[in-house]
C-alpha atoms as a PDB file:
ATOM      1  CA  UNK A   1       0.019  -0.219   0.000  1.00  0.00           C
ATOM      2  CA  UNK A   2       2.603   2.579   0.961  1.00  0.00           C
ATOM      3  CA  UNK A   3       4.468   1.591  -2.259  1.00  0.00           C
ATOM      4  CA  UNK A   4       1.602   2.380  -4.354  1.00  0.00           C
ATOM      5  CA  UNK A   5       1.291   5.920  -2.634  1.00  0.00           C
ATOM      6  CA  UNK A   6       4.672   6.633  -3.049  1.00  0.00           C
ATOM      7  CA  UNK A   7       4.511   5.727  -6.894  1.00  0.00           C
ATOM      8  CA  UNK A   8       1.410   7.736  -7.282  1.00  0.00           C
ATOM      9  CA  UNK A   9       3.261  10.483  -5.484  1.00  0.00           C
ATOM     10  CA  UNK A  10       6.370  10.389  -7.712  1.00  0.00           C
ATOM     11  CA  UNK A  11       4.091  10.080 -10.997  1.00  0.00           C
ATOM     12  CA  UNK A  12       2.215  13.123 -10.141  1.00  0.00           C
ATOM     13  CA  UNK A  13       5.653  15.208  -9.173  1.00  0.00           C
ATOM     14  CA  UNK A  14       6.819  14.282 -13.001  1.00  0.00           C
ATOM     15  CA  UNK A  15       3.690  15.238 -14.543  1.00  0.00           C
ATOM     16  CA  UNK A  16       3.319  18.428 -12.783  1.00  0.00           C
ATOM     17  CA  UNK A  17       6.937  18.978 -13.646  1.00  0.00           C
ATOM     18  CA  UNK A  18       6.480  18.259 -17.430  1.00  0.00           C
ATOM     19  CA  UNK A  19       3.553  20.797 -17.425  1.00  0.00           C
ATOM     20  CA  UNK A  20       5.741  23.415 -17.385  1.00  0.00           C
ATOM     21  CA  UNK A  21       6.161  24.931 -20.870  1.00  0.00           C
ATOM     22  CA  UNK A  22       9.199  26.506 -20.322  1.00  0.00           C
ATOM     23  CA  UNK A  23      12.683  25.085 -20.250  1.00  0.00           C
ATOM     24  CA  UNK A  24      14.874  26.642 -17.433  1.00  0.00           C
ATOM     25  CA  UNK A  25      16.662  28.532 -20.213  1.00  0.00           C
ATOM     26  CA  UNK A  26      13.613  29.983 -21.680  1.00  0.00           C
ATOM     27  CA  UNK A  27      12.380  30.852 -17.942  1.00  0.00           C
ATOM     28  CA  UNK A  28      15.711  32.512 -17.058  1.00  0.00           C
ATOM     29  CA  UNK A  29      15.185  34.712 -20.472  1.00  0.00           C
ATOM     30  CA  UNK A  30      11.623  35.637 -19.777  1.00  0.00           C
ATOM     31  CA  UNK A  31      12.345  36.480 -16.236  1.00  0.00           C
ATOM     32  CA  UNK A  32      15.229  38.590 -17.631  1.00  0.00           C
ATOM     33  CA  UNK A  33      17.917  37.223 -15.431  1.00  0.00           C
ATOM     34  CA  UNK A  34      21.678  37.927 -15.688  1.00  0.00           C
ATOM     35  CA  UNK A  35      25.128  37.046 -13.944  1.00  0.00           C
ATOM     36  CA  UNK A  36      24.937  35.506 -10.661  1.00  0.00           C
ATOM     37  CA  UNK A  37      21.262  35.338 -10.433  1.00  0.00           C
ATOM     38  CA  UNK A  38      20.861  33.442 -13.769  1.00  0.00           C
ATOM     39  CA  UNK A  39      23.692  31.018 -12.727  1.00  0.00           C
ATOM     40  CA  UNK A  40      21.569  30.447  -9.440  1.00  0.00           C
ATOM     41  CA  UNK A  41      18.389  29.874 -11.140  1.00  0.00           C
ATOM     42  CA  UNK A  42      19.830  27.595 -13.683  1.00  0.00           C
ATOM     43  CA  UNK A  43      21.735  25.565 -10.939  1.00  0.00           C
ATOM     44  CA  UNK A  44      18.513  25.272  -8.874  1.00  0.00           C
ATOM     45  CA  UNK A  45      16.427  24.421 -12.014  1.00  0.00           C
ATOM     46  CA  UNK A  46      18.998  21.558 -13.077  1.00  0.00           C
ATOM     47  CA  UNK A  47      18.687  20.274  -9.240  1.00  0.00           C
ATOM     48  CA  UNK A  48      14.916  20.378  -9.694  1.00  0.00           C
ATOM     49  CA  UNK A  49      15.056  18.558 -13.091  1.00  0.00           C
ATOM     50  CA  UNK A  50      17.365  15.962 -11.756  1.00  0.00           C
ATOM     51  CA  UNK A  51      14.883  15.145  -8.948  1.00  0.00           C
ATOM     52  CA  UNK A  52      12.152  15.031 -11.227  1.00  0.00           C
ATOM     53  CA  UNK A  53      13.863  12.859 -13.753  1.00  0.00           C
ATOM     54  CA  UNK A  54      14.964  10.363 -11.155  1.00  0.00           C
ATOM     55  CA  UNK A  55      11.679   9.914 -10.199  1.00  0.00           C
ATOM     56  CA  UNK A  56      10.514   9.245 -13.693  1.00  0.00           C
ATOM     57  CA  UNK A  57      13.273   6.608 -13.717  1.00  0.00           C
ATOM     58  CA  UNK A  58      11.927   5.021 -10.625  1.00  0.00           C
ATOM     59  CA  UNK A  59       8.489   5.223 -11.932  1.00  0.00           C
ATOM     60  CA  UNK A  60       9.556   3.607 -15.188  1.00  0.00           C
ATOM     61  CA  UNK A  61      11.919   0.683 -13.255  1.00  0.00           C
ATOM     62  CA  UNK A  62      14.906   1.873 -15.072  1.00  0.00           C
ATOM     63  CA  UNK A  63      18.409   0.638 -14.323  1.00  0.00           C
ATOM     64  CA  UNK A  64      21.896   0.811 -15.780  1.00  0.00           C
ATOM     65  CA  UNK A  65      22.189   2.034 -19.407  1.00  0.00           C
ATOM     66  CA  UNK A  66      18.495   2.901 -19.865  1.00  0.00           C
ATOM     67  CA  UNK A  67      18.409   4.781 -16.865  1.00  0.00           C
ATOM     68  CA  UNK A  68      21.722   6.935 -17.542  1.00  0.00           C
ATOM     69  CA  UNK A  69      20.397   7.684 -21.175  1.00  0.00           C
ATOM     70  CA  UNK A  70      16.907   8.637 -19.952  1.00  0.00           C
ATOM     71  CA  UNK A  71      18.217  10.663 -17.100  1.00  0.00           C
ATOM     72  CA  UNK A  72      20.439  12.561 -19.373  1.00  0.00           C
ATOM     73  CA  UNK A  73      18.058  13.101 -22.216  1.00  0.00           C
ATOM     74  CA  UNK A  74      15.363  14.282 -19.508  1.00  0.00           C
ATOM     75  CA  UNK A  75      17.590  16.894 -17.580  1.00  0.00           C
ATOM     76  CA  UNK A  76      19.007  18.008 -21.007  1.00  0.00           C
ATOM     77  CA  UNK A  77      15.299  18.418 -22.474  1.00  0.00           C
ATOM     78  CA  UNK A  78      14.006  20.126 -19.166  1.00  0.00           C
ATOM     79  CA  UNK A  79      17.032  22.613 -18.760  1.00  0.00           C
ATOM     80  CA  UNK A  80      17.917  23.485 -22.579  1.00  0.00           C
ATOM     81  CA  UNK A  81      14.364  22.763 -23.770  1.00  0.00           C
END
């Protein structure tokens, strides 16, 4: 039962994260961030993307090379759009 609830929570986070239309880069541009503010925003956004992609990998039960590939693509797509 707890496992099902955790999976549902992870999936809701994944779908909430993927509902965001802007990539980190586009979001920084839209907010007109520059310098240290942009660097900080990009770093936090990448960290958040990594957590979301990790939850997605767990939900999809990926491991090994499949997980590595998925993580790389997922984070890159989220950060760079």
